[in-house]
Amino acid sequence: MITITPAAAAQIRHSAESTQSQDMHLRIAVRREDDGSFVYGMGFDELGENDVLLASEGINIVVSDTSKDFLLGATLDFVEISPGEHQFIFINPNDPAHAGKSKPEDGAPRVG
């Protein structure tokens, strides 16, 4: 469903340790706006009743039933946007903002 790169997994582990959230899952959410664009969100959370539990790169991922189809084939990466500035990005073939784009510098949606 969704792939996490090794760089993203390392940063997620670091974030979990710094916020004492090691026992929680990473929740990834996506919502389609009225104009068709996707808005992404991430945070540490518990498994909910209608959630799907996945794993990638040793990271337990929680996705709501309503978000799962939007994330099919997506990749979460942690990249250097400019010297010294790193961000999470989603590379998602289902995202209309991603149509015809294959590299983060081509405009992959970012999550801060």
PDB file of N, CA and C in Angstrom:
ATOM      1  N   MET A   1       0.833  -1.189   0.000  1.00  0.00           N
ATOM      2  CA  MET A   1       0.000   0.000   0.000  1.00  0.00           C
ATOM      3  C   MET A   1       0.873   1.246   0.000  1.00  0.00           C
ATOM      4  N   ILE A   2       1.650   1.466   1.040  1.00  0.00           N
ATOM      5  CA  ILE A   2       2.543   2.626   1.113  1.00  0.00           C
ATOM      6  C   ILE A   2       3.930   2.139   1.510  1.00  0.00           C
ATOM      7  N   THR A   3       4.934   2.726   0.904  1.00  0.00           N
ATOM      8  CA  THR A   3       6.319   2.374   1.178  1.00  0.00           C
ATOM      9  C   THR A   3       6.989   3.537   1.892  1.00  0.00           C
ATOM     10  N   ILE A   4       7.781   3.217   2.892  1.00  0.00           N
ATOM     11  CA  ILE A   4       8.586   4.209   3.596  1.00  0.00           C
ATOM     12  C   ILE A   4      10.039   3.946   3.234  1.00  0.00           C
ATOM     13  N   THR A   5      10.742   4.980   2.809  1.00  0.00           N
ATOM     14  CA  THR A   5      12.153   4.814   2.461  1.00  0.00           C
ATOM     15  C   THR A   5      12.978   4.683   3.744  1.00  0.00           C
ATOM     16  N   PRO A   6      14.184   4.130   3.630  1.00  0.00           N
ATOM     17  CA  PRO A   6      15.056   4.057   4.807  1.00  0.00           C
ATOM     18  C   PRO A   6      15.314   5.423   5.443  1.00  0.00           C
ATOM     19  N   ALA A   7      15.481   6.468   4.634  1.00  0.00           N
ATOM     20  CA  ALA A   7      15.717   7.812   5.187  1.00  0.00           C
ATOM     21  C   ALA A   7      14.507   8.295   5.983  1.00  0.00           C
ATOM     22  N   ALA A   8      13.307   8.060   5.456  1.00  0.00           N
ATOM     23  CA  ALA A   8      12.097   8.460   6.181  1.00  0.00           C
ATOM     24  C   ALA A   8      11.944   7.645   7.460  1.00  0.00           C
ATOM     25  N   ALA A   9      12.224   6.348   7.395  1.00  0.00           N
ATOM     26  CA  ALA A   9      12.107   5.496   8.580  1.00  0.00           C
ATOM     27  C   ALA A   9      13.049   5.966   9.686  1.00  0.00           C
ATOM     28  N   ALA A  10      14.265   6.334   9.326  1.00  0.00           N
ATOM     29  CA  ALA A  10      15.229   6.820  10.321  1.00  0.00           C
ATOM     30  C   ALA A  10      14.714   8.088  10.986  1.00  0.00           C
ATOM     31  N   GLN A  11      14.156   9.012  10.211  1.00  0.00           N
ATOM     32  CA  GLN A  11      13.648  10.263  10.775  1.00  0.00           C
ATOM     33  C   GLN A  11      12.403  10.016  11.633  1.00  0.00           C
ATOM     34  N   ILE A  12      11.556   9.091  11.223  1.00  0.00           N
ATOM     35  CA  ILE A  12      10.362   8.744  12.011  1.00  0.00           C
ATOM     36  C   ILE A  12      10.784   8.169  13.357  1.00  0.00           C
ATOM     37  N   ARG A  13      11.773   7.276  13.353  1.00  0.00           N
ATOM     38  CA  ARG A  13      12.275   6.708  14.612  1.00  0.00           C
ATOM     39  C   ARG A  13      12.839   7.806  15.516  1.00  0.00           C
ATOM     40  N   HIS A  14      13.595   8.711  14.921  1.00  0.00           N
ATOM     41  CA  HIS A  14      14.159   9.824  15.694  1.00  0.00           C
ATOM     42  C   HIS A  14      13.042  10.681  16.299  1.00  0.00           C
ATOM     43  N   SER A  15      12.028  10.995  15.509  1.00  0.00           N
ATOM     44  CA  SER A  15      10.892  11.789  16.003  1.00  0.00           C
ATOM     45  C   SER A  15      10.146  11.064  17.108  1.00  0.00           C
ATOM     46  N   ALA A  16       9.955   9.761  16.950  1.00  0.00           N
ATOM     47  CA  ALA A  16       9.253   8.976  17.974  1.00  0.00           C
ATOM     48  C   ALA A  16      10.032   8.993  19.292  1.00  0.00           C
ATOM     49  N   GLU A  17      11.356   8.854  19.204  1.00  0.00           N
ATOM     50  CA  GLU A  17      12.177   8.879  20.412  1.00  0.00           C
ATOM     51  C   GLU A  17      12.147  10.250  21.078  1.00  0.00           C
ATOM     52  N   SER A  18      12.235  11.305  20.291  1.00  0.00           N
ATOM     53  CA  SER A  18      12.292  12.650  20.868  1.00  0.00           C
ATOM     54  C   SER A  18      10.953  13.085  21.469  1.00  0.00           C
ATOM     55  N   THR A  19       9.860  12.460  21.053  1.00  0.00           N
ATOM     56  CA  THR A  19       8.541  12.795  21.607  1.00  0.00           C
ATOM     57  C   THR A  19       8.008  11.693  22.516  1.00  0.00           C
ATOM     58  N   GLN A  20       8.864  10.717  22.810  1.00  0.00           N
ATOM     59  CA  GLN A  20       8.499   9.573  23.660  1.00  0.00           C
ATOM     60  C   GLN A  20       7.237   8.876  23.135  1.00  0.00           C
ATOM     61  N   SER A  21       7.215   8.653  21.816  1.00  0.00           N
ATOM     62  CA  SER A  21       6.081   8.021  21.150  1.00  0.00           C
ATOM     63  C   SER A  21       6.461   6.669  20.541  1.00  0.00           C
ATOM     64  N   GLN A  22       7.517   6.049  21.047  1.00  0.00           N
ATOM     65  CA  GLN A  22       8.012   4.803  20.473  1.00  0.00           C
ATOM     66  C   GLN A  22       6.973   3.690  20.463  1.00  0.00           C
ATOM     67  N   ASP A  23       6.024   3.702  21.385  1.00  0.00           N
ATOM     68  CA  ASP A  23       5.025   2.642  21.467  1.00  0.00           C
ATOM     69  C   ASP A  23       3.782   2.930  20.634  1.00  0.00           C
ATOM     70  N   MET A  24       3.804   4.013  19.899  1.00  0.00           N
ATOM     71  CA  MET A  24       2.651   4.381  19.083  1.00  0.00           C
ATOM     72  C   MET A  24       2.932   4.094  17.609  1.00  0.00           C
ATOM     73  N   HIS A  25       1.878   4.058  16.812  1.00  0.00           N
ATOM     74  CA  HIS A  25       1.989   3.842  15.379  1.00  0.00           C
ATOM     75  C   HIS A  25       2.077   5.192  14.669  1.00  0.00           C
ATOM     76  N   LEU A  26       2.641   5.181  13.474  1.00  0.00           N
ATOM     77  CA  LEU A  26       2.632   6.379  12.645  1.00  0.00           C
ATOM     78  C   LEU A  26       1.321   6.409  11.868  1.00  0.00           C
ATOM     79  N   ARG A  27       0.515   7.422  12.100  1.00  0.00           N
ATOM     80  CA  ARG A  27      -0.723   7.584  11.327  1.00  0.00           C
ATOM     81  C   ARG A  27      -0.427   8.459  10.122  1.00  0.00           C
ATOM     82  N   ILE A  28      -0.816   7.959   8.956  1.00  0.00           N
ATOM     83  CA  ILE A  28      -0.720   8.732   7.725  1.00  0.00           C
ATOM     84  C   ILE A  28      -2.138   8.923   7.217  1.00  0.00           C
ATOM     85  N   ALA A  29      -2.471  10.168   6.933  1.00  0.00           N
ATOM     86  CA  ALA A  29      -3.812  10.493   6.453  1.00  0.00           C
ATOM     87  C   ALA A  29      -3.711  11.313   5.178  1.00  0.00           C
ATOM     88  N   VAL A  30      -4.698  11.167   4.340  1.00  0.00           N
ATOM     89  CA  VAL A  30      -4.782  11.979   3.128  1.00  0.00           C
ATOM     90  C   VAL A  30      -6.251  12.323   2.893  1.00  0.00           C
ATOM     91  N   ARG A  31      -6.447  13.547   2.451  1.00  0.00           N
ATOM     92  CA  ARG A  31      -7.809  14.031   2.182  1.00  0.00           C
ATOM     93  C   ARG A  31      -7.790  14.706   0.817  1.00  0.00           C
ATOM     94  N   ARG A  32      -8.840  14.461   0.030  1.00  0.00           N
ATOM     95  CA  ARG A  32      -8.963  15.123  -1.270  1.00  0.00           C
ATOM     96  C   ARG A  32      -9.781  16.401  -1.080  1.00  0.00           C
ATOM     97  N   GLU A  33      -9.215  17.517  -1.516  1.00  0.00           N
ATOM     98  CA  GLU A  33      -9.890  18.806  -1.430  1.00  0.00           C
ATOM     99  C   GLU A  33     -10.907  18.936  -2.570  1.00  0.00           C
ATOM    100  N   ASP A  34     -11.736  19.960  -2.507  1.00  0.00           N
ATOM    101  CA  ASP A  34     -12.748  20.189  -3.539  1.00  0.00           C
ATOM    102  C   ASP A  34     -12.139  20.362  -4.925  1.00  0.00           C
ATOM    103  N   ASP A  35     -10.917  20.906  -4.991  1.00  0.00           N
ATOM    104  CA  ASP A  35     -10.272  21.108  -6.287  1.00  0.00           C
ATOM    105  C   ASP A  35      -9.535  19.861  -6.778  1.00  0.00           C
ATOM    106  N   GLY A  36      -9.626  18.755  -6.008  1.00  0.00           N
ATOM    107  CA  GLY A  36      -8.987  17.496  -6.388  1.00  0.00           C
ATOM    108  C   GLY A  36      -7.608  17.298  -5.812  1.00  0.00           C
ATOM    109  N   SER A  37      -7.017  18.340  -5.232  1.00  0.00           N
ATOM    110  CA  SER A  37      -5.677  18.212  -4.659  1.00  0.00           C
ATOM    111  C   SER A  37      -5.718  17.372  -3.386  1.00  0.00           C
ATOM    112  N   PHE A  38      -4.588  16.784  -3.055  1.00  0.00           N
ATOM    113  CA  PHE A  38      -4.461  15.967  -1.855  1.00  0.00           C
ATOM    114  C   PHE A  38      -3.779  16.767  -0.754  1.00  0.00           C
ATOM    115  N   VAL A  39      -4.241  16.584   0.472  1.00  0.00           N
ATOM    116  CA  VAL A  39      -3.619  17.160   1.658  1.00  0.00           C
ATOM    117  C   VAL A  39      -3.219  15.993   2.554  1.00  0.00           C
ATOM    118  N   TYR A  40      -1.953  15.962   2.959  1.00  0.00           N
ATOM    119  CA  TYR A  40      -1.417  14.864   3.757  1.00  0.00           C
ATOM    120  C   TYR A  40      -1.203  15.296   5.199  1.00  0.00           C
ATOM    121  N   GLY A  41      -1.283  14.331   6.087  1.00  0.00           N
ATOM    122  CA  GLY A  41      -0.984  14.565   7.493  1.00  0.00           C
ATOM    123  C   GLY A  41      -0.333  13.335   8.094  1.00  0.00           C
ATOM    124  N   MET A  42       0.500  13.555   9.109  1.00  0.00           N
ATOM    125  CA  MET A  42       1.167  12.457   9.806  1.00  0.00           C
ATOM    126  C   MET A  42       1.263  12.785  11.284  1.00  0.00           C
ATOM    127  N   GLY A  43       1.261  11.748  12.088  1.00  0.00           N
ATOM    128  CA  GLY A  43       1.458  11.904  13.522  1.00  0.00           C
ATOM    129  C   GLY A  43       1.441  10.546  14.178  1.00  0.00           C
ATOM    130  N   PHE A  44       1.801  10.507  15.431  1.00  0.00           N
ATOM    131  CA  PHE A  44       1.793   9.251  16.174  1.00  0.00           C
ATOM    132  C   PHE A  44       0.433   9.066  16.824  1.00  0.00           C
ATOM    133  N   ASP A  45      -0.104   7.839  16.736  1.00  0.00           N
ATOM    134  CA  ASP A  45      -1.477   7.602  17.158  1.00  0.00           C
ATOM    135  C   ASP A  45      -1.674   6.141  17.513  1.00  0.00           C
ATOM    136  N   GLU A  46      -2.817   5.867  18.122  1.00  0.00           N
ATOM    137  CA  GLU A  46      -3.239   4.499  18.439  1.00  0.00           C
ATOM    138  C   GLU A  46      -4.009   3.921  17.252  1.00  0.00           C
ATOM    139  N   LEU A  47      -4.125   2.618  17.219  1.00  0.00           N
ATOM    140  CA  LEU A  47      -4.910   1.926  16.200  1.00  0.00           C
ATOM    141  C   LEU A  47      -6.385   2.104  16.509  1.00  0.00           C
ATOM    142  N   GLY A  48      -7.141   2.616  15.551  1.00  0.00           N
ATOM    143  CA  GLY A  48      -8.570   2.809  15.718  1.00  0.00           C
ATOM    144  C   GLY A  48      -9.358   1.619  15.190  1.00  0.00           C
ATOM    145  N   GLU A  49     -10.638   1.619  15.478  1.00  0.00           N
ATOM    146  CA  GLU A  49     -11.510   0.490  15.135  1.00  0.00           C
ATOM    147  C   GLU A  49     -11.556   0.185  13.638  1.00  0.00           C
ATOM    148  N   ASN A  50     -11.616   1.209  12.799  1.00  0.00           N
ATOM    149  CA  ASN A  50     -11.722   0.996  11.351  1.00  0.00           C
ATOM    150  C   ASN A  50     -10.419   1.268  10.617  1.00  0.00           C
ATOM    151  N   ASP A  51      -9.303   1.214  11.333  1.00  0.00           N
ATOM    152  CA  ASP A  51      -8.003   1.489  10.731  1.00  0.00           C
ATOM    153  C   ASP A  51      -7.394   0.235  10.119  1.00  0.00           C
ATOM    154  N   VAL A  52      -6.494   0.468   9.185  1.00  0.00           N
ATOM    155  CA  VAL A  52      -5.696  -0.588   8.584  1.00  0.00           C
ATOM    156  C   VAL A  52      -4.291  -0.449   9.158  1.00  0.00           C
ATOM    157  N   LEU A  53      -3.705  -1.561   9.611  1.00  0.00           N
ATOM    158  CA  LEU A  53      -2.348  -1.556  10.160  1.00  0.00           C
ATOM    159  C   LEU A  53      -1.403  -2.159   9.134  1.00  0.00           C
ATOM    160  N   LEU A  54      -0.358  -1.410   8.785  1.00  0.00           N
ATOM    161  CA  LEU A  54       0.638  -1.830   7.806  1.00  0.00           C
ATOM    162  C   LEU A  54       2.020  -1.691   8.426  1.00  0.00           C
ATOM    163  N   ALA A  55       3.028  -2.156   7.715  1.00  0.00           N
ATOM    164  CA  ALA A  55       4.408  -1.963   8.157  1.00  0.00           C
ATOM    165  C   ALA A  55       5.294  -1.783   6.935  1.00  0.00           C
ATOM    166  N   SER A  56       6.279  -0.903   7.062  1.00  0.00           N
ATOM    167  CA  SER A  56       7.288  -0.694   6.025  1.00  0.00           C
ATOM    168  C   SER A  56       8.553  -0.213   6.707  1.00  0.00           C
ATOM    169  N   GLU A  57       9.684  -0.813   6.358  1.00  0.00           N
ATOM    170  CA  GLU A  57      10.980  -0.441   6.940  1.00  0.00           C
ATOM    171  C   GLU A  57      10.956  -0.515   8.465  1.00  0.00           C
ATOM    172  N   GLY A  58      10.157  -1.446   9.020  1.00  0.00           N
ATOM    173  CA  GLY A  58      10.084  -1.605  10.466  1.00  0.00           C
ATOM    174  C   GLY A  58       9.221  -0.578  11.174  1.00  0.00           C
ATOM    175  N   ILE A  59       8.517   0.249  10.419  1.00  0.00           N
ATOM    176  CA  ILE A  59       7.624   1.261  10.989  1.00  0.00           C
ATOM    177  C   ILE A  59       6.191   0.755  10.885  1.00  0.00           C
ATOM    178  N   ASN A  60       5.481   0.728  12.009  1.00  0.00           N
ATOM    179  CA  ASN A  60       4.063   0.382  11.995  1.00  0.00           C
ATOM    180  C   ASN A  60       3.264   1.607  11.581  1.00  0.00           C
ATOM    181  N   ILE A  61       2.440   1.431  10.556  1.00  0.00           N
ATOM    182  CA  ILE A  61       1.676   2.530   9.967  1.00  0.00           C
ATOM    183  C   ILE A  61       0.193   2.266  10.166  1.00  0.00           C
ATOM    184  N   VAL A  62      -0.524   3.294  10.595  1.00  0.00           N
ATOM    185  CA  VAL A  62      -1.972   3.229  10.732  1.00  0.00           C
ATOM    186  C   VAL A  62      -2.576   4.140   9.669  1.00  0.00           C
ATOM    187  N   VAL A  63      -3.539   3.606   8.931  1.00  0.00           N
ATOM    188  CA  VAL A  63      -4.228   4.363   7.896  1.00  0.00           C
ATOM    189  C   VAL A  63      -5.722   4.140   8.077  1.00  0.00           C
ATOM    190  N   SER A  64      -6.482   5.217   8.006  1.00  0.00           N
ATOM    191  CA  SER A  64      -7.934   5.064   8.118  1.00  0.00           C
ATOM    192  C   SER A  64      -8.468   4.392   6.858  1.00  0.00           C
ATOM    193  N   ASP A  65      -9.599   3.773   6.997  1.00  0.00           N
ATOM    194  CA  ASP A  65     -10.229   3.107   5.869  1.00  0.00           C
ATOM    195  C   ASP A  65     -10.495   4.098   4.729  1.00  0.00           C
ATOM    196  N   THR A  66     -10.787   5.355   5.072  1.00  0.00           N
ATOM    197  CA  THR A  66     -11.094   6.357   4.051  1.00  0.00           C
ATOM    198  C   THR A  66      -9.839   6.864   3.336  1.00  0.00           C
ATOM    199  N   SER A  67      -8.668   6.698   3.925  1.00  0.00           N
ATOM    200  CA  SER A  67      -7.421   7.169   3.306  1.00  0.00           C
ATOM    201  C   SER A  67      -6.709   6.093   2.504  1.00  0.00           C
ATOM    202  N   LYS A  68      -6.996   4.830   2.774  1.00  0.00           N
ATOM    203  CA  LYS A  68      -6.171   3.750   2.222  1.00  0.00           C
ATOM    204  C   LYS A  68      -6.114   3.728   0.703  1.00  0.00           C
ATOM    205  N   ASP A  69      -7.222   3.965   0.012  1.00  0.00           N
ATOM    206  CA  ASP A  69      -7.202   3.913  -1.452  1.00  0.00           C
ATOM    207  C   ASP A  69      -6.374   5.048  -2.054  1.00  0.00           C
ATOM    208  N   PHE A  70      -6.360   6.202  -1.393  1.00  0.00           N
ATOM    209  CA  PHE A  70      -5.562   7.326  -1.879  1.00  0.00           C
ATOM    210  C   PHE A  70      -4.065   7.047  -1.778  1.00  0.00           C
ATOM    211  N   LEU A  71      -3.671   6.127  -0.891  1.00  0.00           N
ATOM    212  CA  LEU A  71      -2.256   5.871  -0.633  1.00  0.00           C
ATOM    213  C   LEU A  71      -1.700   4.648  -1.361  1.00  0.00           C
ATOM    214  N   LEU A  72      -2.512   4.000  -2.180  1.00  0.00           N
ATOM    215  CA  LEU A  72      -2.036   2.822  -2.920  1.00  0.00           C
ATOM    216  C   LEU A  72      -0.866   3.196  -3.815  1.00  0.00           C
ATOM    217  N   GLY A  73       0.269   2.543  -3.610  1.00  0.00           N
ATOM    218  CA  GLY A  73       1.454   2.801  -4.423  1.00  0.00           C
ATOM    219  C   GLY A  73       2.257   4.024  -4.024  1.00  0.00           C
ATOM    220  N   ALA A  74       1.881   4.692  -2.943  1.00  0.00           N
ATOM    221  CA  ALA A  74       2.582   5.898  -2.507  1.00  0.00           C
ATOM    222  C   ALA A  74       3.879   5.548  -1.777  1.00  0.00           C
ATOM    223  N   THR A  75       4.791   6.508  -1.779  1.00  0.00           N
ATOM    224  CA  THR A  75       6.054   6.387  -1.059  1.00  0.00           C
ATOM    225  C   THR A  75       6.240   7.631  -0.202  1.00  0.00           C
ATOM    226  N   LEU A  76       6.653   7.412   1.041  1.00  0.00           N
ATOM    227  CA  LEU A  76       7.010   8.505   1.943  1.00  0.00           C
ATOM    228  C   LEU A  76       8.527   8.549   2.021  1.00  0.00           C
ATOM    229  N   ASP A  77       9.100   9.705   1.719  1.00  0.00           N
ATOM    230  CA  ASP A  77      10.551   9.863   1.745  1.00  0.00           C
ATOM    231  C   ASP A  77      10.909  11.063   2.616  1.00  0.00           C
ATOM    232  N   PHE A  78      12.159  11.136   3.013  1.00  0.00           N
ATOM    233  CA  PHE A  78      12.705  12.261   3.771  1.00  0.00           C
ATOM    234  C   PHE A  78      13.913  12.727   2.994  1.00  0.00           C
ATOM    235  N   VAL A  79      13.818  13.925   2.408  1.00  0.00           N
ATOM    236  CA  VAL A  79      14.839  14.373   1.467  1.00  0.00           C
ATOM    237  C   VAL A  79      15.358  15.755   1.836  1.00  0.00           C
ATOM    238  N   GLU A  80      16.520  16.072   1.270  1.00  0.00           N
ATOM    239  CA  GLU A  80      17.087  17.408   1.434  1.00  0.00           C
ATOM    240  C   GLU A  80      16.520  18.293   0.328  1.00  0.00           C
ATOM    241  N   ILE A  81      15.701  19.248   0.716  1.00  0.00           N
ATOM    242  CA  ILE A  81      15.041  20.146  -0.224  1.00  0.00           C
ATOM    243  C   ILE A  81      16.030  21.200  -0.732  1.00  0.00           C
ATOM    244  N   SER A  82      16.791  21.740   0.191  1.00  0.00           N
ATOM    245  CA  SER A  82      17.871  22.662  -0.127  1.00  0.00           C
ATOM    246  C   SER A  82      18.952  22.413   0.914  1.00  0.00           C
ATOM    247  N   PRO A  83      20.153  22.911   0.726  1.00  0.00           N
ATOM    248  CA  PRO A  83      21.225  22.607   1.679  1.00  0.00           C
ATOM    249  C   PRO A  83      20.813  22.862   3.135  1.00  0.00           C
ATOM    250  N   GLY A  84      20.846  21.790   3.917  1.00  0.00           N
ATOM    251  CA  GLY A  84      20.518  21.873   5.331  1.00  0.00           C
ATOM    252  C   GLY A  84      19.040  21.825   5.659  1.00  0.00           C
ATOM    253  N   GLU A  85      18.170  21.800   4.648  1.00  0.00           N
ATOM    254  CA  GLU A  85      16.720  21.757   4.887  1.00  0.00           C
ATOM    255  C   GLU A  85      16.154  20.426   4.399  1.00  0.00           C
ATOM    256  N   HIS A  86      15.677  19.619   5.355  1.00  0.00           N
ATOM    257  CA  HIS A  86      15.108  18.309   5.051  1.00  0.00           C
ATOM    258  C   HIS A  86      13.607  18.320   5.323  1.00  0.00           C
ATOM    259  N   GLN A  87      12.861  17.583   4.508  1.00  0.00           N
ATOM    260  CA  GLN A  87      11.416  17.473   4.692  1.00  0.00           C
ATOM    261  C   GLN A  87      10.930  16.111   4.260  1.00  0.00           C
ATOM    262  N   PHE A  88       9.794  15.713   4.859  1.00  0.00           N
ATOM    263  CA  PHE A  88       9.077  14.546   4.370  1.00  0.00           C
ATOM    264  C   PHE A  88       8.346  14.940   3.101  1.00  0.00           C
ATOM    265  N   ILE A  89       8.325  14.043   2.125  1.00  0.00           N
ATOM    266  CA  ILE A  89       7.536  14.243   0.921  1.00  0.00           C
ATOM    267  C   ILE A  89       6.774  12.965   0.606  1.00  0.00           C
ATOM    268  N   PHE A  90       5.644  13.104  -0.036  1.00  0.00           N
ATOM    269  CA  PHE A  90       4.885  11.963  -0.539  1.00  0.00           C
ATOM    270  C   PHE A  90       5.040  11.911  -2.048  1.00  0.00           C
ATOM    271  N   ILE A  91       5.393  10.758  -2.544  1.00  0.00           N
ATOM    272  CA  ILE A  91       5.433  10.499  -3.974  1.00  0.00           C
ATOM    273  C   ILE A  91       4.262   9.549  -4.217  1.00  0.00           C
ATOM    274  N   ASN A  92       3.212  10.080  -4.822  1.00  0.00           N
ATOM    275  CA  ASN A  92       1.953   9.349  -4.869  1.00  0.00           C
ATOM    276  C   ASN A  92       1.369   9.375  -6.283  1.00  0.00           C
ATOM    277  N   PRO A  93       1.308   8.214  -6.939  1.00  0.00           N
ATOM    278  CA  PRO A  93       0.772   8.180  -8.299  1.00  0.00           C
ATOM    279  C   PRO A  93      -0.717   8.530  -8.380  1.00  0.00           C
ATOM    280  N   ASN A  94      -1.410   8.526  -7.258  1.00  0.00           N
ATOM    281  CA  ASN A  94      -2.836   8.844  -7.233  1.00  0.00           C
ATOM    282  C   ASN A  94      -3.104  10.336  -7.074  1.00  0.00           C
ATOM    283  N   ASP A  95      -2.083  11.098  -6.734  1.00  0.00           N
ATOM    284  CA  ASP A  95      -2.230  12.527  -6.467  1.00  0.00           C
ATOM    285  C   ASP A  95      -2.190  13.290  -7.789  1.00  0.00           C
ATOM    286  N   PRO A  96      -3.247  14.046  -8.106  1.00  0.00           N
ATOM    287  CA  PRO A  96      -3.258  14.793  -9.371  1.00  0.00           C
ATOM    288  C   PRO A  96      -2.103  15.792  -9.487  1.00  0.00           C
ATOM    289  N   ALA A  97      -1.576  16.281  -8.381  1.00  0.00           N
ATOM    290  CA  ALA A  97      -0.440  17.207  -8.415  1.00  0.00           C
ATOM    291  C   ALA A  97       0.825  16.505  -8.873  1.00  0.00           C
ATOM    292  N   HIS A  98       0.792  15.191  -8.892  1.00  0.00           N
ATOM    293  CA  HIS A  98       1.955  14.386  -9.221  1.00  0.00           C
ATOM    294  C   HIS A  98       1.937  13.883 -10.654  1.00  0.00           C
ATOM    295  N   ALA A  99       0.887  14.141 -11.381  1.00  0.00           N
ATOM    296  CA  ALA A  99       0.736  13.607 -12.731  1.00  0.00           C
ATOM    297  C   ALA A  99       1.939  13.967 -13.595  1.00  0.00           C
ATOM    298  N   GLY A 100       2.607  12.943 -14.122  1.00  0.00           N
ATOM    299  CA  GLY A 100       3.746  13.156 -15.008  1.00  0.00           C
ATOM    300  C   GLY A 100       5.029  13.543 -14.311  1.00  0.00           C
ATOM    301  N   LYS A 101       5.058  13.494 -12.991  1.00  0.00           N
ATOM    302  CA  LYS A 101       6.249  13.885 -12.238  1.00  0.00           C
ATOM    303  C   LYS A 101       6.822  12.661 -11.545  1.00  0.00           C
ATOM    304  N   SER A 102       8.133  12.541 -11.566  1.00  0.00           N
ATOM    305  CA  SER A 102       8.730  11.339 -10.998  1.00  0.00           C
ATOM    306  C   SER A 102       9.763  11.613  -9.917  1.00  0.00           C
ATOM    307  N   LYS A 103      10.183  12.858  -9.741  1.00  0.00           N
ATOM    308  CA  LYS A 103      11.217  13.154  -8.760  1.00  0.00           C
ATOM    309  C   LYS A 103      10.721  14.226  -7.800  1.00  0.00           C
ATOM    310  N   PRO A 104      11.203  14.213  -6.536  1.00  0.00           N
ATOM    311  CA  PRO A 104      10.765  15.218  -5.562  1.00  0.00           C
ATOM    312  C   PRO A 104      10.949  16.651  -6.051  1.00  0.00           C
ATOM    313  N   GLU A 105      12.025  16.926  -6.761  1.00  0.00           N
ATOM    314  CA  GLU A 105      12.248  18.288  -7.221  1.00  0.00           C
ATOM    315  C   GLU A 105      11.250  18.694  -8.304  1.00  0.00           C
ATOM    316  N   ASP A 106      10.489  17.721  -8.821  1.00  0.00           N
ATOM    317  CA  ASP A 106       9.458  17.998  -9.805  1.00  0.00           C
ATOM    318  C   ASP A 106       8.146  18.431  -9.173  1.00  0.00           C
ATOM    319  N   GLY A 107       8.126  18.565  -7.843  1.00  0.00           N
ATOM    320  CA  GLY A 107       6.917  19.067  -7.207  1.00  0.00           C
ATOM    321  C   GLY A 107       6.163  18.072  -6.366  1.00  0.00           C
ATOM    322  N   ALA A 108       6.838  17.086  -5.806  1.00  0.00           N
ATOM    323  CA  ALA A 108       6.164  16.122  -4.942  1.00  0.00           C
ATOM    324  C   ALA A 108       5.581  16.840  -3.733  1.00  0.00           C
ATOM    325  N   PRO A 109       4.368  16.499  -3.341  1.00  0.00           N
ATOM    326  CA  PRO A 109       3.766  17.133  -2.167  1.00  0.00           C
ATOM    327  C   PRO A 109       4.618  16.915  -0.925  1.00  0.00           C
ATOM    328  N   ARG A 110       4.741  17.942  -0.130  1.00  0.00           N
ATOM    329  CA  ARG A 110       5.586  17.907   1.062  1.00  0.00           C
ATOM    330  C   ARG A 110       4.731  17.947   2.320  1.00  0.00           C
ATOM    331  N   VAL A 111       5.286  17.386   3.364  1.00  0.00           N
ATOM    332  CA  VAL A 111       4.659  17.452   4.687  1.00  0.00           C
ATOM    333  C   VAL A 111       5.700  17.992   5.626  1.00  0.00           C
ATOM    334  N   GLY A 112       5.341  19.028   6.392  1.00  0.00           N
ATOM    335  CA  GLY A 112       6.302  19.649   7.310  1.00  0.00           C
ATOM    336  C   GLY A 112       6.411  18.984   8.622  1.00  0.00           C
TER     337      GLY A 112
END
